[in-house]
Amino acid sequence: MRLLFCLGHRWGLSFFAGAWYTEKKYAGEDEKMYKRVLLKISGEALMGENGPIGFEKVEKTARSIAALAEKGIEVGVVVGGGNIIRGRDAGQHDRNRRDHMGMLATAINALALQDAFEGLGRKAAVLSAVDMDRFCDSFSSRRAKELLSQKVIVIFACGSGCPFFSTDTAAALRAAEIGADALLLAKNVDAVYSADPKKDPNAVRYSHLSYEKVIRDNLKATDLTAITLCREQELPILCFALDRLEEAVECENVGTLIDSKA
């Protein structure tokens, strides 16, 4: 049975990002709060000071993610490609081709992460939405679930495999396909705000939001396609800063939870 991260063992209540939820009681004391998650990280999280990939930052990011796996959580990862190229920044160039280049950028980042995980002694696999058998295996939900059940960290490359769709949308899609209990969006801000906190000192920080409010108020949690898919699948989203990943899964009041219960 899959539950939220924090559970009041006796009363079947869970507290997560400042919100209470009624949950079913469970039989075993060792049962995990989340069995499986999909973590989305940006390509910028891997960027070096003098180049698109800083391998020290890649290793640091891999260590944070590996810590989740060490807690017994099955972890899937979608990584962006913004440290190399962004399709949405095509400008006057062909957006379709720029998105294809962006997909290849995510594959480069995925392979860098896989190498870092293996260097830490963690099993990791890259599954690509675009066939590239000489570099990694092709994605199927069946194969992804099989690897996750074997406690292999699965990195999903090339987004959704289709242009015009963001890697946030790809993360929501993969989360639904693998039956994840939550979508974890690691951002460069610590939560969802009513405005850009770097530009507006009066921006309101949210700890709990509904899908509907995010859509209605055009809050910059993720893109509209991703949030709509999560709403349809009743997939909770946690937005937080990547450097607080371990705190987020240890029931600290971290980030913003988005679901249907706000």
Protein backbone atom coordinates (compact mmCIF):
# COMPACT_ATOMS: atom_id res chain seq x y z
CA MET A 1 0.00 0.00 0.00
CA ARG A 2 1.32 3.41 -0.93
CA LEU A 3 1.08 6.28 1.51
CA LEU A 4 2.40 9.80 1.82
CA PHE A 5 5.82 10.32 3.34
CA CYS A 6 4.74 10.89 6.92
CA LEU A 7 2.22 8.74 8.70
CA GLY A 8 0.81 8.87 12.19
CA HIS A 9 1.25 5.16 12.84
CA ARG A 10 -1.63 4.74 15.24
CA TRP A 11 -4.23 7.04 13.74
CA GLY A 12 -3.60 6.55 10.04
CA LEU A 13 -2.88 10.25 9.45
CA SER A 14 -0.16 11.68 7.28
CA PHE A 15 1.40 15.13 7.44
CA PHE A 16 3.21 16.41 4.42
CA ALA A 17 4.32 19.93 3.52
CA GLY A 18 2.03 21.41 6.14
CA ALA A 19 -1.13 19.49 5.23
CA TRP A 20 -2.98 16.64 6.94
CA TYR A 21 -4.47 13.72 5.08
CA THR A 22 -6.58 10.82 6.21
CA GLU A 23 -4.98 7.60 5.10
CA LYS A 24 -5.67 3.93 5.51
CA LYS A 25 -3.94 2.21 8.38
CA TYR A 26 -1.26 -0.24 7.45
CA ALA A 27 -0.39 -3.59 8.88
CA GLY A 28 3.41 -3.54 8.86
CA GLU A 29 5.60 -1.17 10.85
CA ASP A 30 8.25 -1.28 8.13
CA GLU A 31 5.98 -0.19 5.32
CA LYS A 32 7.36 2.80 3.39
CA MET A 33 5.53 6.11 3.15
CA TYR A 34 6.25 6.25 -0.56
CA LYS A 35 7.11 3.17 -2.50
CA ARG A 36 7.92 4.88 -5.79
CA VAL A 37 8.56 8.47 -6.85
CA LEU A 38 9.44 10.32 -10.02
CA LEU A 39 11.97 13.11 -9.47
CA LYS A 40 12.36 15.87 -12.05
CA ILE A 41 15.57 17.88 -11.97
CA SER A 42 16.66 20.66 -14.28
CA GLY A 43 19.69 20.48 -16.49
CA GLU A 44 21.01 23.57 -14.70
CA ALA A 45 21.48 21.40 -11.59
CA LEU A 46 24.34 19.71 -13.47
CA MET A 47 25.91 22.83 -14.96
CA GLY A 48 29.57 23.53 -14.32
CA GLU A 49 31.27 26.89 -13.87
CA ASN A 50 33.21 26.56 -17.11
CA GLY A 51 31.03 24.29 -19.18
CA PRO A 52 27.58 22.77 -19.61
CA ILE A 53 28.35 19.83 -17.31
CA GLY A 54 30.18 20.10 -14.01
CA PHE A 55 30.94 16.57 -12.93
CA GLU A 56 31.35 17.57 -9.30
CA LYS A 57 27.78 18.92 -9.39
CA VAL A 58 26.62 15.78 -11.17
CA GLU A 59 28.11 13.65 -8.38
CA LYS A 60 26.61 15.89 -5.68
CA THR A 61 23.18 15.60 -7.29
CA ALA A 62 23.59 11.83 -7.68
CA ARG A 63 24.45 11.50 -3.98
CA SER A 64 21.27 13.33 -2.99
CA ILE A 65 19.15 11.11 -5.22
CA ALA A 66 20.93 7.93 -4.11
CA ALA A 67 20.01 8.82 -0.53
CA LEU A 68 16.35 8.32 -1.48
CA ALA A 69 17.09 4.87 -2.85
CA GLU A 70 18.92 4.03 0.37
CA LYS A 71 15.69 4.71 2.24
CA GLY A 72 14.06 1.93 0.21
CA ILE A 73 12.21 4.26 -2.17
CA GLU A 74 12.07 3.29 -5.84
CA VAL A 75 13.35 6.32 -7.77
CA GLY A 76 12.78 7.36 -11.35
CA VAL A 77 14.46 10.54 -12.63
CA VAL A 78 13.70 12.86 -15.50
CA VAL A 79 16.45 15.38 -16.19
CA GLY A 80 16.14 18.48 -18.34
CA GLY A 81 18.66 19.70 -20.90
CA GLY A 82 18.73 23.42 -20.22
CA ASN A 83 22.41 23.39 -19.30
CA ILE A 84 23.11 22.53 -22.95
CA ILE A 85 20.18 23.79 -25.05
CA ARG A 86 16.48 24.61 -24.64
CA GLY A 87 14.01 23.97 -27.39
CA ARG A 88 11.66 26.69 -26.15
CA ASP A 89 14.40 29.28 -26.71
CA ALA A 90 14.32 28.61 -30.45
CA GLY A 91 13.43 32.18 -31.35
CA GLN A 92 13.46 32.46 -35.14
CA HIS A 93 14.89 28.95 -35.51
CA ASP A 94 12.86 25.83 -36.20
CA ARG A 95 11.28 24.82 -32.87
CA ASN A 96 10.84 21.21 -33.92
CA ARG A 97 14.56 20.80 -34.63
CA ARG A 98 15.56 22.70 -31.50
CA ASP A 99 13.40 20.37 -29.42
CA HIS A 100 15.15 17.39 -31.01
CA MET A 101 18.46 18.93 -29.98
CA GLY A 102 17.06 19.41 -26.48
CA MET A 103 16.14 15.73 -26.32
CA LEU A 104 19.72 14.80 -27.14
CA ALA A 105 20.87 17.18 -24.40
CA THR A 106 18.77 15.29 -21.85
CA ALA A 107 20.34 12.04 -23.04
CA ILE A 108 23.83 13.45 -22.40
CA ASN A 109 22.77 14.51 -18.90
CA ALA A 110 21.14 11.14 -18.24
CA LEU A 111 24.33 9.29 -19.17
CA ALA A 112 26.35 11.61 -16.92
CA LEU A 113 24.01 10.84 -14.02
CA GLN A 114 24.15 7.11 -14.70
CA ASP A 115 27.94 7.24 -14.59
CA ALA A 116 27.82 9.14 -11.29
CA PHE A 117 25.40 6.67 -9.71
CA GLU A 118 27.52 3.73 -10.74
CA GLY A 119 30.59 5.48 -9.34
CA LEU A 120 28.74 5.62 -6.02
CA GLY A 121 27.99 1.92 -6.19
CA ARG A 122 24.30 2.36 -7.10
CA LYS A 123 22.73 0.47 -9.98
CA ALA A 124 21.23 2.83 -12.54
CA ALA A 125 19.73 2.48 -16.00
CA VAL A 126 18.91 4.98 -18.74
CA LEU A 127 15.71 4.46 -20.72
CA SER A 128 15.25 6.72 -23.71
CA ALA A 129 12.03 7.86 -25.39
CA VAL A 130 14.03 7.92 -28.64
CA ASP A 131 15.73 4.73 -29.81
CA MET A 132 19.51 4.93 -29.39
CA ASP A 133 20.47 1.35 -28.67
CA ARG A 134 24.22 1.95 -28.77
CA PHE A 135 23.94 4.26 -25.76
CA CYS A 136 21.00 3.08 -23.68
CA ASP A 137 17.83 1.01 -23.73
CA SER A 138 14.53 2.21 -25.12
CA PHE A 139 11.71 3.19 -22.79
CA SER A 140 8.75 1.00 -22.00
CA SER A 141 6.66 1.24 -18.86
CA ARG A 142 6.99 -2.51 -18.40
CA ARG A 143 10.80 -2.37 -18.46
CA ALA A 144 10.87 0.70 -16.21
CA LYS A 145 8.66 -0.94 -13.60
CA GLU A 146 10.76 -4.11 -13.73
CA LEU A 147 13.97 -2.18 -13.07
CA LEU A 148 12.42 -0.05 -10.33
CA SER A 149 11.14 -3.14 -8.54
CA GLN A 150 14.75 -4.37 -8.56
CA LYS A 151 15.80 -1.13 -6.79
CA VAL A 152 17.59 0.19 -9.87
CA ILE A 153 17.50 3.98 -10.25
CA VAL A 154 15.90 4.63 -13.63
CA ILE A 155 16.79 7.78 -15.57
CA PHE A 156 14.41 8.72 -18.35
CA ALA A 157 16.09 10.43 -21.32
CA CYS A 158 14.79 12.43 -24.27
CA GLY A 159 11.72 13.77 -22.51
CA SER A 160 8.48 12.44 -23.95
CA GLY A 161 10.12 11.85 -27.32
CA CYS A 162 7.89 14.50 -28.90
CA PRO A 163 8.68 18.14 -29.69
CA PHE A 164 6.71 21.00 -28.12
CA PHE A 165 6.36 19.15 -24.79
CA SER A 166 8.47 20.18 -21.81
CA THR A 167 10.49 17.85 -19.64
CA ASP A 168 8.10 18.75 -16.79
CA THR A 169 5.30 17.29 -18.89
CA ALA A 170 7.50 14.28 -19.67
CA ALA A 171 8.06 13.85 -15.92
CA ALA A 172 4.31 13.89 -15.25
CA LEU A 173 3.79 11.38 -18.06
CA ARG A 174 6.50 9.01 -16.84
CA ALA A 175 5.23 9.31 -13.26
CA ALA A 176 1.79 8.20 -14.42
CA GLU A 177 3.20 5.40 -16.58
CA ILE A 178 5.32 3.86 -13.82
CA GLY A 179 2.61 4.22 -11.18
CA ALA A 180 4.58 6.69 -9.05
CA ASP A 181 3.06 7.82 -5.78
CA ALA A 182 4.22 11.40 -6.28
CA LEU A 183 5.95 13.72 -8.71
CA LEU A 184 8.84 15.57 -7.06
CA LEU A 185 9.78 18.77 -8.90
CA ALA A 186 13.19 20.01 -7.79
CA LYS A 187 13.37 23.66 -8.80
CA ASN A 188 15.75 26.60 -8.41
CA VAL A 189 13.33 28.13 -5.86
CA ASP A 190 12.27 26.58 -2.58
CA ALA A 191 8.50 26.60 -3.17
CA VAL A 192 5.68 27.99 -5.31
CA TYR A 193 5.09 31.73 -4.88
CA SER A 194 2.36 34.12 -6.01
CA ALA A 195 5.05 36.01 -7.97
CA ASP A 196 8.77 35.80 -8.59
CA PRO A 197 10.27 36.24 -5.08
CA LYS A 198 13.48 37.57 -6.61
CA LYS A 199 11.55 40.45 -8.17
CA ASP A 200 8.62 40.93 -5.79
CA PRO A 201 9.45 41.14 -2.06
CA ASN A 202 5.72 40.80 -1.29
CA ALA A 203 5.36 37.47 -3.09
CA VAL A 204 3.35 34.98 -1.04
CA ARG A 205 4.89 31.56 -0.40
CA TYR A 206 2.46 28.65 -0.58
CA SER A 207 2.81 25.40 1.36
CA HIS A 208 -0.31 23.70 -0.07
CA LEU A 209 -2.21 24.35 -3.28
CA SER A 210 -4.93 22.70 -5.33
CA TYR A 211 -4.40 21.89 -8.99
CA GLU A 212 -7.28 24.25 -9.78
CA LYS A 213 -5.68 27.24 -8.02
CA VAL A 214 -2.37 26.67 -9.78
CA ILE A 215 -4.17 26.68 -13.13
CA ARG A 216 -6.61 29.50 -12.32
CA ASP A 217 -3.96 31.87 -10.93
CA ASN A 218 -1.34 30.86 -13.50
CA LEU A 219 1.15 30.09 -10.76
CA LYS A 220 4.58 29.12 -12.02
CA ALA A 221 4.76 25.67 -10.45
CA THR A 222 5.03 23.79 -13.73
CA ASP A 223 3.51 24.05 -17.18
CA LEU A 224 -0.21 23.72 -17.86
CA THR A 225 0.04 20.36 -19.63
CA ALA A 226 1.94 18.78 -16.73
CA ILE A 227 -0.38 20.13 -14.03
CA THR A 228 -3.46 19.05 -16.00
CA LEU A 229 -2.15 15.51 -16.43
CA CYS A 230 -1.35 15.27 -12.72
CA ARG A 231 -4.84 16.49 -11.86
CA GLU A 232 -6.43 13.90 -14.12
CA GLN A 233 -4.30 11.12 -12.60
CA GLU A 234 -4.67 12.46 -9.03
CA LEU A 235 -0.89 12.51 -8.80
CA PRO A 236 0.41 14.76 -5.99
CA ILE A 237 3.24 17.14 -6.82
CA LEU A 238 5.86 18.49 -4.45
CA CYS A 239 7.83 21.54 -5.60
CA PHE A 240 11.00 22.31 -3.63
CA ALA A 241 14.67 23.22 -3.94
CA LEU A 242 16.92 20.33 -4.95
CA ASP A 243 19.30 20.91 -2.05
CA ARG A 244 16.44 20.06 0.34
CA LEU A 245 15.57 16.73 -1.24
CA GLU A 246 16.39 14.62 1.80
CA GLU A 247 14.48 16.97 4.10
CA ALA A 248 11.46 16.76 1.81
CA VAL A 249 11.24 13.00 2.17
CA GLU A 250 11.79 13.14 5.91
CA CYS A 251 8.54 15.03 6.56
CA GLU A 252 10.02 18.47 7.05
CA ASN A 253 7.80 21.39 6.09
CA VAL A 254 9.56 21.79 2.77
CA GLY A 255 8.30 23.19 -0.51
CA THR A 256 4.75 23.30 -1.85
CA LEU A 257 2.41 20.35 -2.09
CA ILE A 258 -0.08 20.43 -4.97
CA ASP A 259 -3.01 18.02 -4.95
CA SER A 260 -6.81 17.85 -4.89
CA LYS A 261 -7.11 18.15 -1.10
CA ALA A 262 -6.06 21.79 -0.63
